[in-house]
Amino acid sequence: MIIYGTAILAVCHLLGVYLGNALGIALGVQANVGGVAIAMILLILSKELLAKRGHLPQVTQFGVLYWSGMYIPIVVAMSAGQNVVAAMSGGMLGLVVSVASLIGTVLVIRWLNKSSGDYESYEWAVEPTEKTA
């Protein structure tokens, strides 16, 4: 069910926040260091591992994919807002570096899309079929 995708996301998010806080404490910083990124990595790894072992039905995979698609843009928007504030307080150099990194990101994404082939050819892990007598 799609709701299981939400449950997997919630577990990965909680683990990511915990590990990000632990990493922040280990580094001596009073902040969550990479908790959201850790959560996304855990989400991707858990989805792939469960799908490979046949424990994740295709409908649940769609749920995980849906929440991954919603989660990433929200996190990017949140971090972009913080980066804009930091860039504007850094003066002209911060603004130039921000624009250069934006252009570089666009070029790298275009190159990755061209070199990776057809995105629509992704094959979902096959769900085991039950045999009836």
N, C-alpha and C. Protein backbone atom coordinates (compact mmCIF):
# COMPACT_ATOMS: atom_id res chain seq x y z
N MET A 1 0.83 -1.18 0.00
CA MET A 1 0.00 0.00 0.00
C MET A 1 0.87 1.24 0.00
N ILE A 2 0.30 2.32 -0.50
CA ILE A 2 1.05 3.58 -0.57
C ILE A 2 1.37 4.11 0.82
N ILE A 3 0.53 3.83 1.79
CA ILE A 3 0.76 4.32 3.15
C ILE A 3 2.06 3.75 3.74
N TYR A 4 2.47 2.56 3.30
CA TYR A 4 3.74 2.00 3.78
C TYR A 4 4.92 2.85 3.30
N GLY A 5 4.78 3.45 2.13
CA GLY A 5 5.82 4.36 1.66
C GLY A 5 6.00 5.53 2.60
N THR A 6 4.87 6.01 3.14
CA THR A 6 4.92 7.10 4.11
C THR A 6 5.58 6.63 5.41
N ALA A 7 5.28 5.42 5.83
CA ALA A 7 5.88 4.88 7.05
C ALA A 7 7.39 4.71 6.88
N ILE A 8 7.82 4.23 5.73
CA ILE A 8 9.26 4.08 5.48
C ILE A 8 9.93 5.44 5.50
N LEU A 9 9.29 6.44 4.88
CA LEU A 9 9.84 7.80 4.89
C LEU A 9 9.95 8.32 6.32
N ALA A 10 8.92 8.09 7.13
CA ALA A 10 8.93 8.59 8.51
C ALA A 10 10.06 7.97 9.32
N VAL A 11 10.25 6.67 9.19
CA VAL A 11 11.32 5.99 9.92
C VAL A 11 12.68 6.51 9.46
N CYS A 12 12.86 6.65 8.15
CA CYS A 12 14.13 7.16 7.63
C CYS A 12 14.38 8.59 8.09
N HIS A 13 13.32 9.40 8.13
CA HIS A 13 13.47 10.79 8.58
C HIS A 13 13.88 10.85 10.05
N LEU A 14 13.23 10.06 10.88
CA LEU A 14 13.58 10.05 12.31
C LEU A 14 15.01 9.58 12.53
N LEU A 15 15.41 8.52 11.81
CA LEU A 15 16.80 8.05 11.92
C LEU A 15 17.78 9.10 11.42
N GLY A 16 17.43 9.77 10.32
CA GLY A 16 18.30 10.81 9.77
C GLY A 16 18.47 11.98 10.72
N VAL A 17 17.38 12.42 11.35
CA VAL A 17 17.46 13.51 12.31
C VAL A 17 18.31 13.10 13.51
N TYR A 18 18.10 11.88 14.00
CA TYR A 18 18.89 11.39 15.13
C TYR A 18 20.38 11.33 14.78
N LEU A 19 20.69 10.73 13.63
CA LEU A 19 22.09 10.60 13.22
C LEU A 19 22.72 11.96 12.91
N GLY A 20 21.94 12.88 12.33
CA GLY A 20 22.43 14.23 12.07
C GLY A 20 22.75 14.98 13.35
N ASN A 21 21.88 14.83 14.36
CA ASN A 21 22.16 15.45 15.66
C ASN A 21 23.37 14.82 16.32
N ALA A 22 23.49 13.50 16.23
CA ALA A 22 24.66 12.81 16.80
C ALA A 22 25.94 13.26 16.11
N LEU A 23 25.89 13.43 14.80
CA LEU A 23 27.05 13.91 14.05
C LEU A 23 27.40 15.34 14.46
N GLY A 24 26.38 16.16 14.66
CA GLY A 24 26.62 17.53 15.11
C GLY A 24 27.29 17.57 16.47
N ILE A 25 26.83 16.72 17.38
CA ILE A 25 27.44 16.65 18.71
C ILE A 25 28.88 16.16 18.61
N ALA A 26 29.12 15.16 17.76
CA ALA A 26 30.48 14.62 17.60
C ALA A 26 31.42 15.67 17.02
N LEU A 27 30.89 16.55 16.17
CA LEU A 27 31.72 17.60 15.57
C LEU A 27 31.81 18.85 16.43
N GLY A 28 31.05 18.87 17.53
CA GLY A 28 31.07 20.03 18.41
C GLY A 28 30.22 21.18 17.91
N VAL A 29 29.23 20.89 17.10
CA VAL A 29 28.34 21.91 16.54
C VAL A 29 26.97 21.73 17.18
N GLN A 30 26.33 22.80 17.54
CA GLN A 30 25.00 22.72 18.13
C GLN A 30 23.95 22.75 17.03
N ALA A 31 24.03 21.81 16.08
CA ALA A 31 23.08 21.78 14.97
C ALA A 31 23.00 20.38 14.41
N ASN A 32 21.96 20.16 13.63
CA ASN A 32 21.79 18.90 12.91
C ASN A 32 22.66 18.99 11.66
N VAL A 33 23.61 18.09 11.52
CA VAL A 33 24.54 18.13 10.40
C VAL A 33 24.18 17.03 9.41
N GLY A 34 23.52 17.39 8.34
CA GLY A 34 23.22 16.45 7.28
C GLY A 34 22.12 15.45 7.57
N GLY A 35 21.26 15.75 8.53
CA GLY A 35 20.21 14.80 8.90
C GLY A 35 19.25 14.50 7.77
N VAL A 36 18.88 15.51 7.01
CA VAL A 36 17.94 15.30 5.91
C VAL A 36 18.61 14.50 4.79
N ALA A 37 19.86 14.78 4.52
CA ALA A 37 20.58 14.01 3.50
C ALA A 37 20.74 12.56 3.93
N ILE A 38 21.03 12.35 5.19
CA ILE A 38 21.12 10.98 5.72
C ILE A 38 19.78 10.28 5.57
N ALA A 39 18.69 10.99 5.86
CA ALA A 39 17.35 10.41 5.72
C ALA A 39 17.07 10.01 4.28
N MET A 40 17.45 10.85 3.32
CA MET A 40 17.20 10.51 1.92
C MET A 40 18.04 9.31 1.49
N ILE A 41 19.27 9.24 1.95
CA ILE A 41 20.11 8.09 1.62
C ILE A 41 19.52 6.82 2.22
N LEU A 42 19.06 6.90 3.46
CA LEU A 42 18.42 5.74 4.09
C LEU A 42 17.15 5.33 3.35
N LEU A 43 16.38 6.31 2.88
CA LEU A 43 15.16 6.01 2.13
C LEU A 43 15.48 5.28 0.83
N ILE A 44 16.47 5.77 0.12
CA ILE A 44 16.85 5.13 -1.14
C ILE A 44 17.38 3.72 -0.89
N LEU A 45 18.27 3.59 0.10
CA LEU A 45 18.85 2.27 0.39
C LEU A 45 17.80 1.28 0.87
N SER A 46 16.90 1.73 1.76
CA SER A 46 15.88 0.80 2.27
C SER A 46 14.92 0.39 1.17
N LYS A 47 14.56 1.31 0.29
CA LYS A 47 13.66 0.96 -0.82
C LYS A 47 14.32 -0.07 -1.74
N GLU A 48 15.56 0.16 -2.09
CA GLU A 48 16.25 -0.76 -2.99
C GLU A 48 16.45 -2.13 -2.33
N LEU A 49 16.85 -2.13 -1.06
CA LEU A 49 17.09 -3.38 -0.36
C LEU A 49 15.80 -4.19 -0.21
N LEU A 50 14.73 -3.53 0.21
CA LEU A 50 13.45 -4.23 0.38
C LEU A 50 12.89 -4.71 -0.96
N ALA A 51 13.04 -3.91 -2.00
CA ALA A 51 12.53 -4.31 -3.32
C ALA A 51 13.33 -5.49 -3.87
N LYS A 52 14.64 -5.46 -3.66
CA LYS A 52 15.48 -6.55 -4.17
C LYS A 52 15.16 -7.87 -3.48
N ARG A 53 14.81 -7.81 -2.21
CA ARG A 53 14.49 -9.02 -1.46
C ARG A 53 13.03 -9.45 -1.63
N GLY A 54 12.24 -8.65 -2.34
CA GLY A 54 10.85 -9.01 -2.58
C GLY A 54 9.90 -8.67 -1.46
N HIS A 55 10.34 -7.81 -0.52
CA HIS A 55 9.50 -7.44 0.62
C HIS A 55 8.75 -6.13 0.40
N LEU A 56 8.90 -5.53 -0.77
CA LEU A 56 8.29 -4.23 -1.03
C LEU A 56 7.43 -4.33 -2.28
N PRO A 57 6.11 -4.41 -2.11
CA PRO A 57 5.23 -4.51 -3.28
C PRO A 57 5.36 -3.27 -4.17
N GLN A 58 4.97 -3.42 -5.42
CA GLN A 58 5.12 -2.33 -6.38
C GLN A 58 4.33 -1.10 -5.96
N VAL A 59 3.17 -1.28 -5.37
CA VAL A 59 2.37 -0.14 -4.93
C VAL A 59 3.10 0.65 -3.84
N THR A 60 3.77 -0.06 -2.96
CA THR A 60 4.55 0.61 -1.92
C THR A 60 5.75 1.33 -2.53
N GLN A 61 6.34 0.75 -3.56
CA GLN A 61 7.44 1.42 -4.26
C GLN A 61 6.97 2.74 -4.85
N PHE A 62 5.74 2.76 -5.38
CA PHE A 62 5.18 4.00 -5.90
C PHE A 62 5.01 5.02 -4.78
N GLY A 63 4.61 4.55 -3.58
CA GLY A 63 4.48 5.45 -2.44
C GLY A 63 5.80 6.06 -2.04
N VAL A 64 6.85 5.25 -2.02
CA VAL A 64 8.18 5.75 -1.69
C VAL A 64 8.64 6.73 -2.76
N LEU A 65 8.41 6.40 -4.02
CA LEU A 65 8.79 7.29 -5.11
C LEU A 65 8.05 8.62 -5.02
N TYR A 66 6.77 8.57 -4.69
CA TYR A 66 5.97 9.79 -4.56
C TYR A 66 6.55 10.70 -3.47
N TRP A 67 6.81 10.11 -2.29
CA TRP A 67 7.31 10.93 -1.21
C TRP A 67 8.74 11.40 -1.46
N SER A 68 9.52 10.61 -2.17
CA SER A 68 10.87 11.06 -2.55
C SER A 68 10.76 12.27 -3.45
N GLY A 69 9.80 12.22 -4.38
CA GLY A 69 9.60 13.34 -5.29
C GLY A 69 9.11 14.59 -4.59
N MET A 70 8.37 14.44 -3.50
CA MET A 70 7.88 15.59 -2.74
C MET A 70 8.95 16.10 -1.76
N TYR A 71 9.71 15.20 -1.20
CA TYR A 71 10.64 15.51 -0.12
C TYR A 71 11.84 16.29 -0.63
N ILE A 72 12.41 15.85 -1.73
CA ILE A 72 13.63 16.47 -2.24
C ILE A 72 13.42 17.94 -2.61
N PRO A 73 12.38 18.30 -3.39
CA PRO A 73 12.21 19.73 -3.72
C PRO A 73 11.98 20.61 -2.49
N ILE A 74 11.29 20.09 -1.48
CA ILE A 74 11.06 20.88 -0.27
C ILE A 74 12.38 21.15 0.44
N VAL A 75 13.21 20.14 0.55
CA VAL A 75 14.51 20.30 1.22
C VAL A 75 15.40 21.25 0.42
N VAL A 76 15.39 21.11 -0.90
CA VAL A 76 16.20 22.00 -1.74
C VAL A 76 15.72 23.45 -1.58
N ALA A 77 14.41 23.65 -1.55
CA ALA A 77 13.88 25.01 -1.38
C ALA A 77 14.26 25.59 -0.03
N MET A 78 14.21 24.77 1.02
CA MET A 78 14.58 25.25 2.35
C MET A 78 16.06 25.65 2.40
N SER A 79 16.92 24.81 1.85
CA SER A 79 18.34 25.12 1.89
C SER A 79 18.68 26.27 0.95
N ALA A 80 17.96 26.39 -0.16
CA ALA A 80 18.21 27.50 -1.08
C ALA A 80 17.88 28.83 -0.42
N GLY A 81 16.82 28.85 0.38
CA GLY A 81 16.47 30.08 1.10
C GLY A 81 17.58 30.50 2.06
N GLN A 82 18.17 29.54 2.74
CA GLN A 82 19.27 29.85 3.65
C GLN A 82 20.49 30.31 2.87
N ASN A 83 20.75 29.69 1.72
CA ASN A 83 21.92 30.05 0.93
C ASN A 83 21.80 31.46 0.36
N VAL A 84 20.59 31.87 -0.02
CA VAL A 84 20.39 33.22 -0.55
C VAL A 84 20.69 34.25 0.52
N VAL A 85 20.22 34.03 1.73
CA VAL A 85 20.50 34.96 2.83
C VAL A 85 22.00 35.05 3.08
N ALA A 86 22.68 33.91 3.08
CA ALA A 86 24.13 33.90 3.30
C ALA A 86 24.86 34.59 2.16
N ALA A 87 24.40 34.37 0.93
CA ALA A 87 25.06 34.98 -0.23
C ALA A 87 24.89 36.49 -0.23
N MET A 88 23.72 36.97 0.12
CA MET A 88 23.48 38.41 0.12
C MET A 88 24.26 39.10 1.24
N SER A 89 24.46 38.42 2.36
CA SER A 89 25.23 39.03 3.44
C SER A 89 26.73 38.96 3.15
N GLY A 90 27.13 38.12 2.20
CA GLY A 90 28.54 37.98 1.84
C GLY A 90 29.02 39.01 0.84
N GLY A 91 28.11 39.81 0.30
CA GLY A 91 28.50 40.84 -0.65
C GLY A 91 28.52 40.32 -2.07
N MET A 92 29.25 41.04 -2.93
CA MET A 92 29.26 40.74 -4.36
C MET A 92 29.90 39.38 -4.66
N LEU A 93 30.93 39.00 -3.93
CA LEU A 93 31.58 37.72 -4.17
C LEU A 93 30.61 36.57 -3.92
N GLY A 94 29.83 36.65 -2.86
CA GLY A 94 28.83 35.62 -2.58
C GLY A 94 27.81 35.51 -3.70
N LEU A 95 27.39 36.65 -4.25
CA LEU A 95 26.42 36.65 -5.34
C LEU A 95 27.01 36.03 -6.61
N VAL A 96 28.26 36.36 -6.93
CA VAL A 96 28.91 35.81 -8.13
C VAL A 96 29.09 34.30 -7.99
N VAL A 97 29.53 33.85 -6.82
CA VAL A 97 29.71 32.41 -6.59
C VAL A 97 28.38 31.68 -6.65
N SER A 98 27.32 32.29 -6.14
CA SER A 98 25.99 31.67 -6.18
C SER A 98 25.51 31.49 -7.61
N VAL A 99 25.67 32.51 -8.43
CA VAL A 99 25.24 32.42 -9.83
C VAL A 99 26.09 31.40 -10.57
N ALA A 100 27.39 31.38 -10.31
CA ALA A 100 28.27 30.41 -10.97
C ALA A 100 27.90 28.98 -10.58
N SER A 101 27.57 28.75 -9.31
CA SER A 101 27.20 27.40 -8.89
C SER A 101 25.85 27.00 -9.49
N LEU A 102 24.95 27.94 -9.65
CA LEU A 102 23.66 27.65 -10.30
C LEU A 102 23.87 27.24 -11.75
N ILE A 103 24.68 27.99 -12.47
CA ILE A 103 24.95 27.65 -13.87
C ILE A 103 25.66 26.30 -13.97
N GLY A 104 26.62 26.06 -13.09
CA GLY A 104 27.30 24.77 -13.08
C GLY A 104 26.37 23.61 -12.80
N THR A 105 25.44 23.80 -11.87
CA THR A 105 24.47 22.75 -11.55
C THR A 105 23.58 22.44 -12.74
N VAL A 106 23.10 23.47 -13.41
CA VAL A 106 22.24 23.27 -14.59
C VAL A 106 23.00 22.51 -15.67
N LEU A 107 24.25 22.88 -15.91
CA LEU A 107 25.04 22.20 -16.94
C LEU A 107 25.31 20.74 -16.58
N VAL A 108 25.62 20.47 -15.33
CA VAL A 108 25.88 19.09 -14.91
C VAL A 108 24.62 18.24 -15.02
N ILE A 109 23.48 18.79 -14.62
CA ILE A 109 22.22 18.04 -14.72
C ILE A 109 21.88 17.75 -16.18
N ARG A 110 22.08 18.71 -17.06
CA ARG A 110 21.82 18.46 -18.49
C ARG A 110 22.74 17.37 -19.01
N TRP A 111 24.01 17.40 -18.61
CA TRP A 111 24.95 16.39 -19.07
C TRP A 111 24.57 15.01 -18.54
N LEU A 112 24.19 14.94 -17.26
CA LEU A 112 23.78 13.66 -16.68
C LEU A 112 22.54 13.10 -17.36
N ASN A 113 21.58 13.96 -17.67
CA ASN A 113 20.37 13.50 -18.35
C ASN A 113 20.68 12.97 -19.74
N LYS A 114 21.57 13.63 -20.46
CA LYS A 114 21.93 13.16 -21.80
C LYS A 114 22.73 11.86 -21.76
N SER A 115 23.61 11.73 -20.78
CA SER A 115 24.47 10.55 -20.74
C SER A 115 23.79 9.33 -20.13
N SER A 116 22.73 9.52 -19.36
CA SER A 116 22.11 8.39 -18.68
C SER A 116 21.13 7.62 -19.54
N GLY A 117 20.73 8.15 -20.66
CA GLY A 117 19.77 7.44 -21.52
C GLY A 117 18.35 7.82 -21.17
N ASP A 118 17.44 6.91 -21.46
CA ASP A 118 16.02 7.18 -21.31
C ASP A 118 15.58 6.98 -19.86
N TYR A 119 15.05 8.02 -19.27
CA TYR A 119 14.56 7.95 -17.89
C TYR A 119 13.34 7.06 -17.78
N GLU A 120 12.53 7.02 -18.81
CA GLU A 120 11.28 6.26 -18.78
C GLU A 120 11.51 4.75 -18.87
N SER A 121 12.73 4.31 -19.09
CA SER A 121 12.99 2.88 -19.23
C SER A 121 13.27 2.21 -17.89
N TYR A 122 13.06 2.90 -16.78
CA TYR A 122 13.30 2.33 -15.45
C TYR A 122 12.38 1.15 -15.23
N GLU A 123 12.94 0.04 -14.74
CA GLU A 123 12.16 -1.16 -14.49
C GLU A 123 12.01 -1.35 -12.99
N TRP A 124 10.77 -1.52 -12.55
CA TRP A 124 10.48 -1.76 -11.15
C TRP A 124 10.86 -3.18 -10.78
N ALA A 125 11.22 -3.39 -9.53
CA ALA A 125 11.51 -4.74 -9.06
C ALA A 125 10.25 -5.58 -9.20
N VAL A 126 10.41 -6.78 -9.71
CA VAL A 126 9.27 -7.64 -9.98
C VAL A 126 8.74 -8.21 -8.67
N GLU A 127 7.44 -8.09 -8.51
CA GLU A 127 6.78 -8.61 -7.32
C GLU A 127 6.55 -10.11 -7.52
N PRO A 128 6.90 -10.94 -6.52
CA PRO A 128 6.70 -12.39 -6.69
C PRO A 128 5.22 -12.71 -6.85
N THR A 129 4.93 -13.56 -7.81
CA THR A 129 3.53 -13.93 -8.05
C THR A 129 3.20 -15.20 -7.29
N GLU A 130 1.97 -15.26 -6.83
CA GLU A 130 1.52 -16.44 -6.10
C GLU A 130 0.93 -17.43 -7.08
N LYS A 131 1.26 -18.69 -6.88
CA LYS A 131 0.72 -19.74 -7.74
C LYS A 131 -0.53 -20.32 -7.09
N THR A 132 -1.55 -20.45 -7.89
CA THR A 132 -2.79 -21.04 -7.38
C THR A 132 -2.93 -22.46 -7.90
N ALA A 133 -3.55 -23.28 -7.12
CA ALA A 133 -3.69 -24.69 -7.50
C ALA A 133 -4.82 -24.91 -8.46
